[in-house]
Structures are given as structure tokens and as C-alpha cells.
Amino acid sequence: MTTNSRRAASPAWGHGRNLLMRAARDLFAAEGYESVTTRQIAELAGVSEQMIFRHFGSKAKLFEAAAVAPFVEHLDDYVKVWSERASGVRDPVQEASDLYRGLYDVFAENRALLTALVSTQDPQSGSGEAVSAALAPALDRFAELLDVEQQQRGFRDFDTRIVVRLVAGLVMSQTIFADLLYPSAAGGRPSVDALIHEMAMLTIHGAWPADRDD
């Protein structure tokens, strides 16, 4: 059998990267970043451990691709959709609500991965820097979008680089720490709709009444 024939016969050939991504997501979500080894990931994926280093270079880079990608893809999709329609026209609270809803859904769907993502912020592991480097470009693209909204809507002068990270952090905290923030003894967790509405109102109007002029 020729080399090409052997490659064609292998179900992993040409799909190794996807198999590794799927296995990595499952393991990182279940056990966290530090506990998972590259050998475990390769075994679950049904491929050789060397394939991890061939495709990704390191465990940290694989984690970046597996865990950070959903959040980066959502932000990029949002920026793309926004750039294809007239900006500064829609009701700003509705605009903010749509952003928060999308982020919340992505974070909630990937809550276990998000928790693992937070756990990588250990300077000794080296993975935190890789994750931050992967997130930064998407957040900066969103900041550019916010720059346009700021100018067109006459928002106060604020640092969009900081604000987009405050937005992301706000949604993350409501996803990861909901049980801590809303214990049953204090009324329990509010509905997602209520969370989205309050986050949007806080972002656009702050604590002032909507009809305040000064």
C-alpha cells in the first residue's frame, strides 16, 4: 500500500486538527487546563501526541484554539454584521441588548470552558499570556466599532479599549459566578432577559433617569 493510500484509509487523516479541538474542549471543560495532558487529549482524539505539536505547537496554543475561539468568533461575527448595516441608527439600548445577549449565550454555552479559561491566568503556566494575546485583537476590533458608535451617537468621551473589556468582564461574571451572586436565600437567579435588560440600561444610561437632560 502506498503512503497516499495509507493516508486515505486513516479516518484521522485530514481531520486530526478537528479531532484534537473536540477532544481538547471536552477535557479542558471537564478537568481544567492544568490537569489535562497532551497525551490524554491525543488518546481521546484517537491520534498521535505528536500531531498536537505539529498542528498547534504546544498545549497552551491548543487551549487557545479550543477554548478562546468561540468567543473570538462571536465578537468577529458581531462586528461583521454591524459593519454591513447603517450604524448609529438603531435604538442604543436594543443595540446593547443584542450584544449582551449574544455574548451571554456564547459564554453560557461554553461555561465550563470559560471557567477553565479563567483558571489559566496563572503566570507560572504561561498559558494566560497566550489566551490574552488571542482575545486582544477581537476586543480591539470591537473597540473600533464602539469608536464609531461613540462619535455618531454623541456618547461622552470614554476609553473604548477599557469599556469593551468591562463589557466582556461583566457578562463573564454573570455567567461564571451567577450561583455566588444570586444565592437562593437572596431570591435566586434572575431571568436572562432581566439580566440582559439591566446590563444594557446600565451601559447606555448608567444610573441616571433616561429623561435626564444634564
N, C-alpha and C. Protein backbone atom coordinates (compact mmCIF):
# COMPACT_ATOMS: atom_id res chain seq x y z
N MET A 1 0.86 -1.21 0.00
CA MET A 1 0.00 0.00 0.00
C MET A 1 0.88 1.24 0.00
N THR A 2 0.59 2.21 -0.83
CA THR A 2 1.39 3.44 -0.92
C THR A 2 1.09 4.33 0.28
N THR A 3 1.98 5.34 0.46
CA THR A 3 1.78 6.30 1.55
C THR A 3 0.45 7.01 1.42
N ASN A 4 0.12 7.43 0.18
CA ASN A 4 -1.15 8.13 -0.04
C ASN A 4 -2.33 7.25 0.28
N SER A 5 -2.22 5.94 -0.06
CA SER A 5 -3.32 5.02 0.22
C SER A 5 -3.51 4.86 1.72
N ARG A 6 -2.38 4.74 2.45
CA ARG A 6 -2.49 4.60 3.89
C ARG A 6 -3.12 5.84 4.49
N ARG A 7 -2.75 7.03 3.97
CA ARG A 7 -3.33 8.26 4.49
C ARG A 7 -4.83 8.32 4.22
N ALA A 8 -5.23 7.93 3.03
CA ALA A 8 -6.65 7.98 2.67
C ALA A 8 -7.45 7.01 3.52
N ALA A 9 -6.80 5.88 3.92
CA ALA A 9 -7.52 4.88 4.69
C ALA A 9 -7.69 5.27 6.14
N SER A 10 -6.86 6.21 6.62
CA SER A 10 -6.94 6.60 8.03
C SER A 10 -8.06 7.62 8.23
N PRO A 11 -9.01 7.33 9.15
CA PRO A 11 -10.12 8.27 9.37
C PRO A 11 -9.65 9.59 9.97
N ALA A 12 -8.44 9.58 10.59
CA ALA A 12 -7.95 10.80 11.22
C ALA A 12 -7.23 11.71 10.24
N TRP A 13 -6.79 11.12 9.09
CA TRP A 13 -6.03 11.93 8.14
C TRP A 13 -6.90 13.07 7.57
N GLY A 14 -6.39 14.28 7.69
CA GLY A 14 -7.13 15.43 7.21
C GLY A 14 -8.13 15.96 8.22
N HIS A 15 -8.39 15.19 9.30
CA HIS A 15 -9.35 15.62 10.32
C HIS A 15 -8.69 15.70 11.69
N GLY A 16 -7.39 15.49 11.72
CA GLY A 16 -6.69 15.46 13.00
C GLY A 16 -6.87 16.71 13.82
N ARG A 17 -6.80 17.86 13.16
CA ARG A 17 -6.92 19.12 13.90
C ARG A 17 -8.31 19.23 14.54
N ASN A 18 -9.36 18.90 13.79
CA ASN A 18 -10.71 18.97 14.35
C ASN A 18 -10.92 17.96 15.47
N LEU A 19 -10.36 16.77 15.30
CA LEU A 19 -10.47 15.75 16.35
C LEU A 19 -9.78 16.23 17.63
N LEU A 20 -8.64 16.84 17.49
CA LEU A 20 -7.92 17.36 18.65
C LEU A 20 -8.66 18.51 19.31
N MET A 21 -9.24 19.39 18.52
CA MET A 21 -10.00 20.51 19.08
C MET A 21 -11.18 20.01 19.88
N ARG A 22 -11.90 19.02 19.33
CA ARG A 22 -13.07 18.48 20.03
C ARG A 22 -12.67 17.81 21.33
N ALA A 23 -11.61 16.99 21.26
CA ALA A 23 -11.14 16.30 22.46
C ALA A 23 -10.64 17.29 23.51
N ALA A 24 -9.93 18.32 23.06
CA ALA A 24 -9.39 19.32 23.99
C ALA A 24 -10.52 20.07 24.68
N ARG A 25 -11.54 20.46 23.94
CA ARG A 25 -12.67 21.16 24.54
C ARG A 25 -13.32 20.31 25.63
N ASP A 26 -13.54 19.04 25.32
CA ASP A 26 -14.20 18.14 26.29
C ASP A 26 -13.35 17.99 27.55
N LEU A 27 -12.06 17.76 27.37
CA LEU A 27 -11.19 17.52 28.52
C LEU A 27 -10.94 18.79 29.33
N PHE A 28 -10.68 19.89 28.65
CA PHE A 28 -10.45 21.14 29.37
C PHE A 28 -11.70 21.55 30.16
N ALA A 29 -12.87 21.37 29.56
CA ALA A 29 -14.11 21.73 30.24
C ALA A 29 -14.35 20.85 31.46
N ALA A 30 -14.00 19.58 31.35
CA ALA A 30 -14.28 18.63 32.44
C ALA A 30 -13.24 18.69 33.54
N GLU A 31 -11.96 18.92 33.19
CA GLU A 31 -10.90 18.78 34.17
C GLU A 31 -10.06 20.03 34.39
N GLY A 32 -10.25 21.07 33.57
CA GLY A 32 -9.43 22.26 33.70
C GLY A 32 -8.14 22.16 32.92
N TYR A 33 -7.49 23.28 32.75
CA TYR A 33 -6.29 23.33 31.91
C TYR A 33 -5.12 22.55 32.50
N GLU A 34 -4.81 22.81 33.77
CA GLU A 34 -3.60 22.25 34.36
C GLU A 34 -3.64 20.73 34.46
N SER A 35 -4.83 20.15 34.69
CA SER A 35 -4.93 18.71 34.93
C SER A 35 -4.81 17.88 33.67
N VAL A 36 -5.06 18.48 32.53
CA VAL A 36 -5.11 17.73 31.28
C VAL A 36 -3.72 17.66 30.65
N THR A 37 -3.36 16.48 30.16
CA THR A 37 -2.08 16.31 29.48
C THR A 37 -2.30 16.19 27.98
N THR A 38 -1.25 16.46 27.23
CA THR A 38 -1.36 16.31 25.77
C THR A 38 -1.59 14.84 25.39
N ARG A 39 -1.06 13.93 26.19
CA ARG A 39 -1.28 12.51 25.91
C ARG A 39 -2.76 12.15 26.04
N GLN A 40 -3.42 12.69 27.08
CA GLN A 40 -4.85 12.43 27.25
C GLN A 40 -5.65 12.96 26.06
N ILE A 41 -5.31 14.15 25.63
CA ILE A 41 -6.03 14.75 24.50
C ILE A 41 -5.85 13.89 23.25
N ALA A 42 -4.62 13.49 22.99
CA ALA A 42 -4.34 12.68 21.80
C ALA A 42 -5.07 11.35 21.86
N GLU A 43 -5.09 10.72 23.04
CA GLU A 43 -5.77 9.43 23.18
C GLU A 43 -7.27 9.56 22.93
N LEU A 44 -7.88 10.61 23.49
CA LEU A 44 -9.31 10.81 23.28
C LEU A 44 -9.62 11.12 21.82
N ALA A 45 -8.72 11.84 21.17
CA ALA A 45 -8.92 12.19 19.76
C ALA A 45 -8.62 11.02 18.83
N GLY A 46 -7.87 10.03 19.34
CA GLY A 46 -7.52 8.89 18.52
C GLY A 46 -6.41 9.18 17.53
N VAL A 47 -5.53 10.10 17.90
CA VAL A 47 -4.40 10.46 17.03
C VAL A 47 -3.12 10.42 17.86
N SER A 48 -1.99 10.61 17.20
CA SER A 48 -0.72 10.59 17.91
C SER A 48 -0.51 11.90 18.66
N GLU A 49 0.23 11.83 19.76
CA GLU A 49 0.52 13.03 20.55
C GLU A 49 1.33 14.03 19.73
N GLN A 50 2.17 13.52 18.83
CA GLN A 50 2.99 14.41 18.00
C GLN A 50 2.13 15.33 17.14
N MET A 51 0.91 14.86 16.81
CA MET A 51 0.04 15.67 15.96
C MET A 51 -0.35 16.98 16.65
N ILE A 52 -0.43 16.96 17.98
CA ILE A 52 -0.74 18.19 18.72
C ILE A 52 0.32 19.25 18.44
N PHE A 53 1.57 18.84 18.52
CA PHE A 53 2.67 19.79 18.34
C PHE A 53 2.83 20.18 16.88
N ARG A 54 2.45 19.28 15.99
CA ARG A 54 2.52 19.60 14.57
C ARG A 54 1.48 20.65 14.19
N HIS A 55 0.27 20.50 14.75
CA HIS A 55 -0.81 21.43 14.40
C HIS A 55 -0.80 22.71 15.23
N PHE A 56 -0.41 22.59 16.52
CA PHE A 56 -0.59 23.73 17.42
C PHE A 56 0.70 24.23 18.05
N GLY A 57 1.71 23.39 18.13
CA GLY A 57 2.98 23.81 18.69
C GLY A 57 3.13 23.56 20.18
N SER A 58 2.01 23.68 20.93
CA SER A 58 2.08 23.49 22.37
C SER A 58 0.68 23.26 22.92
N LYS A 59 0.62 22.80 24.15
CA LYS A 59 -0.67 22.62 24.83
C LYS A 59 -1.37 23.97 25.01
N ALA A 60 -0.59 25.01 25.35
CA ALA A 60 -1.18 26.34 25.54
C ALA A 60 -1.83 26.86 24.25
N LYS A 61 -1.17 26.62 23.11
CA LYS A 61 -1.73 27.07 21.83
C LYS A 61 -2.97 26.25 21.45
N LEU A 62 -2.98 24.98 21.81
CA LEU A 62 -4.17 24.17 21.57
C LEU A 62 -5.32 24.66 22.43
N PHE A 63 -5.04 24.99 23.68
CA PHE A 63 -6.08 25.54 24.56
C PHE A 63 -6.63 26.84 23.99
N GLU A 64 -5.72 27.67 23.51
CA GLU A 64 -6.12 28.94 22.89
C GLU A 64 -7.10 28.70 21.75
N ALA A 65 -6.76 27.74 20.87
CA ALA A 65 -7.61 27.46 19.71
C ALA A 65 -8.93 26.83 20.12
N ALA A 66 -8.90 25.96 21.12
CA ALA A 66 -10.11 25.22 21.51
C ALA A 66 -11.04 26.04 22.38
N ALA A 67 -10.48 26.79 23.32
CA ALA A 67 -11.31 27.47 24.32
C ALA A 67 -11.63 28.91 23.97
N VAL A 68 -10.70 29.60 23.33
CA VAL A 68 -10.89 31.03 23.06
C VAL A 68 -11.66 31.26 21.77
N ALA A 69 -11.54 30.33 20.83
CA ALA A 69 -12.15 30.50 19.50
C ALA A 69 -13.63 30.87 19.53
N PRO A 70 -14.48 30.20 20.37
CA PRO A 70 -15.91 30.55 20.34
C PRO A 70 -16.18 32.01 20.66
N PHE A 71 -15.42 32.58 21.59
CA PHE A 71 -15.63 33.97 21.99
C PHE A 71 -15.13 34.94 20.91
N VAL A 72 -13.98 34.61 20.34
CA VAL A 72 -13.42 35.44 19.26
C VAL A 72 -14.35 35.41 18.05
N GLU A 73 -14.86 34.23 17.71
CA GLU A 73 -15.75 34.10 16.55
C GLU A 73 -17.02 34.92 16.75
N HIS A 74 -17.57 34.91 17.97
CA HIS A 74 -18.79 35.68 18.21
C HIS A 74 -18.53 37.17 18.05
N LEU A 75 -17.46 37.66 18.65
CA LEU A 75 -17.15 39.08 18.53
C LEU A 75 -16.91 39.48 17.08
N ASP A 76 -16.19 38.65 16.35
CA ASP A 76 -15.93 38.94 14.94
C ASP A 76 -17.21 38.93 14.12
N ASP A 77 -18.10 37.97 14.41
CA ASP A 77 -19.39 37.92 13.70
C ASP A 77 -20.22 39.17 13.99
N TYR A 78 -20.21 39.59 15.26
CA TYR A 78 -20.98 40.78 15.64
C TYR A 78 -20.45 42.01 14.91
N VAL A 79 -19.13 42.17 14.90
CA VAL A 79 -18.52 43.31 14.21
C VAL A 79 -18.84 43.26 12.72
N LYS A 80 -18.82 42.07 12.12
CA LYS A 80 -19.10 41.92 10.70
C LYS A 80 -20.54 42.33 10.38
N VAL A 81 -21.49 41.82 11.17
CA VAL A 81 -22.90 42.15 10.95
C VAL A 81 -23.12 43.65 11.13
N TRP A 82 -22.52 44.21 12.18
CA TRP A 82 -22.67 45.64 12.45
C TRP A 82 -22.13 46.46 11.29
N SER A 83 -21.00 46.07 10.73
CA SER A 83 -20.36 46.86 9.67
C SER A 83 -21.14 46.80 8.36
N GLU A 84 -22.03 45.82 8.22
CA GLU A 84 -22.79 45.66 6.99
C GLU A 84 -24.13 46.40 7.00
N ARG A 85 -24.45 47.06 8.11
CA ARG A 85 -25.69 47.83 8.14
C ARG A 85 -25.40 49.24 8.61
N ALA A 86 -26.38 50.11 8.49
CA ALA A 86 -26.19 51.50 8.88
C ALA A 86 -25.95 51.57 10.39
N SER A 87 -24.90 52.27 10.77
CA SER A 87 -24.57 52.39 12.19
C SER A 87 -25.18 53.65 12.79
N GLY A 88 -25.34 53.64 14.10
CA GLY A 88 -25.85 54.81 14.79
C GLY A 88 -27.32 55.06 14.58
N VAL A 89 -28.06 54.07 14.04
CA VAL A 89 -29.47 54.27 13.72
C VAL A 89 -30.38 53.55 14.71
N ARG A 90 -30.06 52.31 15.03
CA ARG A 90 -30.91 51.53 15.93
C ARG A 90 -30.92 52.13 17.34
N ASP A 91 -31.97 51.83 18.09
CA ASP A 91 -32.05 52.25 19.48
C ASP A 91 -30.82 51.72 20.22
N PRO A 92 -30.10 52.59 20.92
CA PRO A 92 -28.85 52.15 21.55
C PRO A 92 -29.04 51.06 22.61
N VAL A 93 -30.16 51.10 23.34
CA VAL A 93 -30.41 50.06 24.34
C VAL A 93 -30.63 48.72 23.66
N GLN A 94 -31.34 48.73 22.53
CA GLN A 94 -31.55 47.48 21.78
C GLN A 94 -30.22 46.98 21.21
N GLU A 95 -29.40 47.90 20.75
CA GLU A 95 -28.08 47.52 20.23
C GLU A 95 -27.26 46.85 21.33
N ALA A 96 -27.25 47.47 22.50
CA ALA A 96 -26.50 46.91 23.63
C ALA A 96 -27.10 45.58 24.07
N SER A 97 -28.43 45.48 24.04
CA SER A 97 -29.09 44.23 24.44
C SER A 97 -28.70 43.09 23.52
N ASP A 98 -28.66 43.36 22.22
CA ASP A 98 -28.28 42.32 21.26
C ASP A 98 -26.84 41.86 21.49
N LEU A 99 -25.96 42.82 21.78
CA LEU A 99 -24.58 42.47 22.06
C LEU A 99 -24.49 41.59 23.30
N TYR A 100 -25.14 42.03 24.38
CA TYR A 100 -25.09 41.28 25.63
C TYR A 100 -25.72 39.90 25.48
N ARG A 101 -26.82 39.84 24.75
CA ARG A 101 -27.49 38.54 24.55
C ARG A 101 -26.55 37.57 23.83
N GLY A 102 -25.92 38.04 22.78
CA GLY A 102 -25.00 37.17 22.03
C GLY A 102 -23.84 36.69 22.88
N LEU A 103 -23.23 37.63 23.62
CA LEU A 103 -22.12 37.25 24.49
C LEU A 103 -22.57 36.29 25.58
N TYR A 104 -23.71 36.59 26.17
CA TYR A 104 -24.21 35.73 27.26
C TYR A 104 -24.46 34.32 26.74
N ASP A 105 -25.08 34.20 25.59
CA ASP A 105 -25.38 32.87 25.04
C ASP A 105 -24.10 32.09 24.77
N VAL A 106 -23.10 32.77 24.20
CA VAL A 106 -21.83 32.10 23.92
C VAL A 106 -21.15 31.68 25.22
N PHE A 107 -21.12 32.57 26.20
CA PHE A 107 -20.47 32.25 27.47
C PHE A 107 -21.21 31.15 28.21
N ALA A 108 -22.55 31.22 28.19
CA ALA A 108 -23.34 30.19 28.89
C ALA A 108 -23.16 28.83 28.25
N GLU A 109 -23.14 28.80 26.92
CA GLU A 109 -22.98 27.54 26.20
C GLU A 109 -21.61 26.92 26.47
N ASN A 110 -20.63 27.79 26.73
CA ASN A 110 -19.26 27.32 26.95
C ASN A 110 -18.81 27.63 28.38
N ARG A 111 -19.73 27.52 29.32
CA ARG A 111 -19.43 27.93 30.70
C ARG A 111 -18.25 27.15 31.28
N ALA A 112 -18.22 25.84 31.08
CA ALA A 112 -17.14 25.04 31.63
C ALA A 112 -15.79 25.45 31.03
N LEU A 113 -15.80 25.73 29.72
CA LEU A 113 -14.58 26.20 29.07
C LEU A 113 -14.18 27.58 29.59
N LEU A 114 -15.19 28.42 29.83
CA LEU A 114 -14.92 29.76 30.34
C LEU A 114 -14.27 29.68 31.72
N THR A 115 -14.77 28.75 32.54
CA THR A 115 -14.17 28.55 33.87
C THR A 115 -12.73 28.08 33.73
N ALA A 116 -12.50 27.17 32.79
CA ALA A 116 -11.14 26.70 32.54
C ALA A 116 -10.27 27.85 32.03
N LEU A 117 -10.87 28.72 31.23
CA LEU A 117 -10.15 29.87 30.69
C LEU A 117 -9.66 30.77 31.82
N VAL A 118 -10.53 31.02 32.79
CA VAL A 118 -10.16 31.86 33.93
C VAL A 118 -9.05 31.19 34.73
N SER A 119 -9.10 29.87 34.83
CA SER A 119 -8.10 29.15 35.64
C SER A 119 -6.72 29.18 35.00
N THR A 120 -6.61 29.56 33.74
CA THR A 120 -5.30 29.60 33.08
C THR A 120 -4.52 30.86 33.43
N GLN A 121 -5.15 31.79 34.12
CA GLN A 121 -4.47 33.05 34.40
C GLN A 121 -3.46 32.91 35.53
N ASP A 122 -2.59 31.93 35.39
CA ASP A 122 -1.52 31.68 36.34
C ASP A 122 -0.20 32.00 35.64
N PRO A 123 0.53 32.99 36.12
CA PRO A 123 1.75 33.41 35.45
C PRO A 123 2.74 32.26 35.24
N GLN A 124 2.70 31.24 36.14
CA GLN A 124 3.68 30.16 36.02
C GLN A 124 3.36 29.22 34.87
N SER A 125 2.10 29.13 34.45
CA SER A 125 1.75 28.18 33.39
C SER A 125 2.10 28.71 32.01
N GLY A 126 2.12 30.03 31.84
CA GLY A 126 2.43 30.61 30.55
C GLY A 126 1.27 30.63 29.59
N SER A 127 0.17 29.93 29.95
CA SER A 127 -0.97 29.86 29.04
C SER A 127 -1.80 31.14 29.06
N GLY A 128 -1.80 31.84 30.19
CA GLY A 128 -2.61 33.04 30.30
C GLY A 128 -2.23 34.09 29.27
N GLU A 129 -0.95 34.24 29.04
CA GLU A 129 -0.48 35.23 28.05
C GLU A 129 -0.93 34.85 26.65
N ALA A 130 -0.90 33.54 26.34
CA ALA A 130 -1.33 33.09 25.01
C ALA A 130 -2.81 33.36 24.82
N VAL A 131 -3.60 33.12 25.86
CA VAL A 131 -5.04 33.36 25.79
C VAL A 131 -5.32 34.85 25.62
N SER A 132 -4.66 35.68 26.41
CA SER A 132 -4.86 37.13 26.32
C SER A 132 -4.48 37.65 24.95
N ALA A 133 -3.39 37.13 24.40
CA ALA A 133 -2.95 37.55 23.07
C ALA A 133 -3.97 37.18 22.00
N ALA A 134 -4.68 36.06 22.19
CA ALA A 134 -5.68 35.64 21.22
C ALA A 134 -6.96 36.47 21.33
N LEU A 135 -7.31 36.85 22.55
CA LEU A 135 -8.53 37.63 22.76
C LEU A 135 -8.36 39.09 22.36
N ALA A 136 -7.18 39.63 22.57
CA ALA A 136 -6.96 41.07 22.39
C ALA A 136 -7.36 41.60 21.01
N PRO A 137 -6.97 40.94 19.91
CA PRO A 137 -7.35 41.50 18.59
C PRO A 137 -8.86 41.61 18.39
N ALA A 138 -9.61 40.59 18.86
CA ALA A 138 -11.07 40.64 18.70
C ALA A 138 -11.67 41.75 19.55
N LEU A 139 -11.16 41.93 20.76
CA LEU A 139 -11.65 43.01 21.62
C LEU A 139 -11.30 44.37 21.03
N ASP A 140 -10.13 44.46 20.42
CA ASP A 140 -9.72 45.74 19.81
C ASP A 140 -10.57 46.06 18.58
N ARG A 141 -10.95 45.02 17.82
CA ARG A 141 -11.84 45.26 16.67
C ARG A 141 -13.19 45.76 17.15
N PHE A 142 -13.65 45.22 18.27
CA PHE A 142 -14.91 45.67 18.83
C PHE A 142 -14.78 47.11 19.36
N ALA A 143 -13.62 47.44 19.90
CA ALA A 143 -13.38 48.80 20.37
C ALA A 143 -13.44 49.80 19.22
N GLU A 144 -12.95 49.40 18.04
CA GLU A 144 -13.04 50.26 16.87
C GLU A 144 -14.49 50.51 16.48
N LEU A 145 -15.31 49.46 16.58
CA LEU A 145 -16.74 49.61 16.31
C LEU A 145 -17.34 50.61 17.30
N LEU A 146 -16.97 50.48 18.56
CA LEU A 146 -17.51 51.37 19.59
C LEU A 146 -17.05 52.80 19.38
N ASP A 147 -15.86 52.98 18.82
CA ASP A 147 -15.38 54.33 18.48
C ASP A 147 -16.36 55.02 17.52
N VAL A 148 -16.81 54.26 16.52
CA VAL A 148 -17.75 54.82 15.54
C VAL A 148 -19.07 55.16 16.21
N GLU A 149 -19.59 54.24 17.02
CA GLU A 149 -20.85 54.49 17.73
C GLU A 149 -20.72 55.72 18.63
N GLN A 150 -19.59 55.83 19.29
CA GLN A 150 -19.35 56.95 20.19
C GLN A 150 -19.44 58.28 19.46
N GLN A 151 -18.86 58.34 18.28
CA GLN A 151 -18.87 59.58 17.51
C GLN A 151 -20.24 59.87 16.93
N GLN A 152 -20.90 58.83 16.39
CA GLN A 152 -22.17 59.05 15.71
C GLN A 152 -23.31 59.34 16.67
N ARG A 153 -23.24 58.77 17.86
CA ARG A 153 -24.35 58.93 18.81
C ARG A 153 -24.09 60.05 19.82
N GLY A 154 -22.91 60.61 19.81
CA GLY A 154 -22.62 61.69 20.74
C GLY A 154 -22.45 61.22 22.17
N PHE A 155 -22.01 59.98 22.36
CA PHE A 155 -21.75 59.49 23.71
C PHE A 155 -20.64 60.34 24.34
N ARG A 156 -20.58 60.31 25.66
CA ARG A 156 -19.49 61.01 26.35
C ARG A 156 -18.15 60.42 25.90
N ASP A 157 -17.11 61.17 26.14
CA ASP A 157 -15.77 60.70 25.77
C ASP A 157 -15.31 59.64 26.76
N PHE A 158 -15.17 58.41 26.30
CA PHE A 158 -14.68 57.34 27.19
C PHE A 158 -13.65 56.50 26.44
N ASP A 159 -12.88 55.76 27.20
CA ASP A 159 -11.83 54.92 26.65
C ASP A 159 -12.45 53.62 26.16
N THR A 160 -12.61 53.48 24.85
CA THR A 160 -13.31 52.31 24.31
C THR A 160 -12.53 51.02 24.57
N ARG A 161 -11.22 51.11 24.63
CA ARG A 161 -10.42 49.91 24.91
C ARG A 161 -10.77 49.34 26.29
N ILE A 162 -10.96 50.23 27.25
CA ILE A 162 -11.33 49.79 28.60
C ILE A 162 -12.78 49.32 28.63
N VAL A 163 -13.67 50.08 27.99
CA VAL A 163 -15.10 49.78 28.06
C VAL A 163 -15.43 48.41 27.47
N VAL A 164 -14.82 48.04 26.35
CA VAL A 164 -15.15 46.74 25.77
C VAL A 164 -14.72 45.61 26.70
N ARG A 165 -13.66 45.81 27.44
CA ARG A 165 -13.22 44.79 28.38
C ARG A 165 -14.10 44.77 29.63
N LEU A 166 -14.62 45.92 30.02
CA LEU A 166 -15.60 45.96 31.10
C LEU A 166 -16.87 45.20 30.70
N VAL A 167 -17.29 45.39 29.44
CA VAL A 167 -18.47 44.70 28.93
C VAL A 167 -18.26 43.18 28.97
N ALA A 168 -17.12 42.74 28.43
CA ALA A 168 -16.82 41.30 28.42
C ALA A 168 -16.74 40.75 29.83
N GLY A 169 -16.08 41.49 30.73
CA GLY A 169 -15.96 41.04 32.10
C GLY A 169 -17.29 40.97 32.82
N LEU A 170 -18.17 41.92 32.52
CA LEU A 170 -19.49 41.92 33.14
C LEU A 170 -20.27 40.66 32.77
N VAL A 171 -20.26 40.32 31.49
CA VAL A 171 -21.00 39.13 31.06
C VAL A 171 -20.35 37.86 31.61
N MET A 172 -19.02 37.82 31.61
CA MET A 172 -18.33 36.66 32.16
C MET A 172 -18.72 36.43 33.61
N SER A 173 -18.73 37.51 34.39
CA SER A 173 -19.03 37.36 35.82
C SER A 173 -20.46 36.86 36.04
N GLN A 174 -21.39 37.33 35.20
CA GLN A 174 -22.78 36.90 35.35
C GLN A 174 -22.95 35.44 34.93
N THR A 175 -22.03 34.94 34.12
CA THR A 175 -22.10 33.55 33.67
C THR A 175 -21.42 32.61 34.66
N ILE A 176 -20.20 32.95 35.04
CA ILE A 176 -19.42 32.06 35.90
C ILE A 176 -19.86 32.12 37.36
N PHE A 177 -20.14 33.33 37.84
CA PHE A 177 -20.39 33.50 39.26
C PHE A 177 -21.85 33.70 39.62
N ALA A 178 -22.75 33.29 38.74
CA ALA A 178 -24.18 33.50 38.99
C ALA A 178 -24.64 32.86 40.30
N ASP A 179 -24.19 31.64 40.57
CA ASP A 179 -24.61 30.96 41.81
C ASP A 179 -24.13 31.70 43.05
N LEU A 180 -22.94 32.28 42.94
CA LEU A 180 -22.40 33.04 44.06
C LEU A 180 -23.10 34.38 44.23
N LEU A 181 -23.40 35.03 43.12
CA LEU A 181 -24.01 36.35 43.16
C LEU A 181 -25.50 36.33 43.49
N TYR A 182 -26.17 35.23 43.11
CA TYR A 182 -27.62 35.15 43.32
C TYR A 182 -27.99 33.87 44.07
N PRO A 183 -27.62 33.78 45.35
CA PRO A 183 -27.98 32.58 46.11
C PRO A 183 -29.49 32.49 46.30
N SER A 184 -29.97 31.28 46.47
CA SER A 184 -31.42 31.08 46.62
C SER A 184 -31.97 31.85 47.81
N ALA A 185 -31.15 32.02 48.85
CA ALA A 185 -31.60 32.74 50.04
C ALA A 185 -31.87 34.21 49.76
N ALA A 186 -31.26 34.72 48.68
CA ALA A 186 -31.45 36.13 48.33
C ALA A 186 -32.36 36.30 47.12
N GLY A 187 -33.19 35.31 46.86
CA GLY A 187 -34.15 35.42 45.76
C GLY A 187 -33.78 34.62 44.54
N GLY A 188 -32.57 34.07 44.51
CA GLY A 188 -32.19 33.23 43.39
C GLY A 188 -31.80 34.00 42.15
N ARG A 189 -31.53 33.26 41.12
CA ARG A 189 -31.04 33.82 39.87
C ARG A 189 -32.16 34.53 39.11
N PRO A 190 -31.91 35.77 38.63
CA PRO A 190 -32.92 36.44 37.80
C PRO A 190 -32.98 35.80 36.42
N SER A 191 -34.00 36.13 35.67
CA SER A 191 -34.10 35.59 34.32
C SER A 191 -33.00 36.19 33.44
N VAL A 192 -32.67 35.49 32.37
CA VAL A 192 -31.66 36.00 31.44
C VAL A 192 -32.13 37.31 30.84
N ASP A 193 -33.44 37.40 30.51
CA ASP A 193 -33.97 38.64 29.93
C ASP A 193 -33.76 39.82 30.88
N ALA A 194 -33.99 39.58 32.19
CA ALA A 194 -33.81 40.66 33.17
C ALA A 194 -32.34 41.07 33.24
N LEU A 195 -31.44 40.11 33.22
CA LEU A 195 -30.01 40.41 33.23
C LEU A 195 -29.60 41.24 32.02
N ILE A 196 -30.05 40.78 30.85
CA ILE A 196 -29.69 41.48 29.61
C ILE A 196 -30.20 42.91 29.63
N HIS A 197 -31.45 43.09 30.05
CA HIS A 197 -32.04 44.42 30.08
C HIS A 197 -31.26 45.35 31.01
N GLU A 198 -30.95 44.87 32.21
CA GLU A 198 -30.26 45.73 33.17
C GLU A 198 -28.84 46.04 32.73
N MET A 199 -28.16 45.09 32.13
CA MET A 199 -26.81 45.37 31.64
C MET A 199 -26.85 46.41 30.53
N ALA A 200 -27.82 46.28 29.64
CA ALA A 200 -27.95 47.24 28.54
C ALA A 200 -28.28 48.63 29.06
N MET A 201 -29.22 48.71 30.00
CA MET A 201 -29.60 50.02 30.55
C MET A 201 -28.44 50.65 31.32
N LEU A 202 -27.71 49.82 32.06
CA LEU A 202 -26.55 50.34 32.80
C LEU A 202 -25.50 50.88 31.85
N THR A 203 -25.29 50.17 30.74
CA THR A 203 -24.28 50.58 29.77
C THR A 203 -24.66 51.90 29.09
N ILE A 204 -25.90 52.02 28.69
CA ILE A 204 -26.32 53.20 27.92
C ILE A 204 -26.68 54.39 28.80
N HIS A 205 -27.42 54.14 29.89
CA HIS A 205 -27.93 55.24 30.71
C HIS A 205 -27.27 55.36 32.07
N GLY A 206 -26.48 54.37 32.46
CA GLY A 206 -25.90 54.42 33.80
C GLY A 206 -26.99 54.39 34.84
N ALA A 207 -26.83 55.17 35.91
CA ALA A 207 -27.82 55.17 37.00
C ALA A 207 -28.78 56.35 36.89
N TRP A 208 -28.61 57.21 35.87
CA TRP A 208 -29.48 58.38 35.73
C TRP A 208 -30.78 58.01 35.05
N PRO A 209 -31.83 58.74 35.31
CA PRO A 209 -33.10 58.52 34.58
C PRO A 209 -32.88 58.76 33.10
N ALA A 210 -33.63 58.02 32.26
CA ALA A 210 -33.47 58.13 30.82
C ALA A 210 -33.79 59.52 30.31
N ASP A 211 -34.67 60.28 31.02
CA ASP A 211 -35.06 61.60 30.52
C ASP A 211 -34.25 62.74 31.15
N ARG A 212 -33.16 62.40 31.83
CA ARG A 212 -32.33 63.45 32.45
C ARG A 212 -31.61 64.23 31.34
N ASP A 213 -31.61 65.53 31.41
CA ASP A 213 -31.03 66.37 30.37
C ASP A 213 -29.56 66.72 30.62
N ASP A 214 -29.16 66.83 31.91
CA ASP A 214 -27.80 67.31 32.18
C ASP A 214 -26.84 66.16 32.42
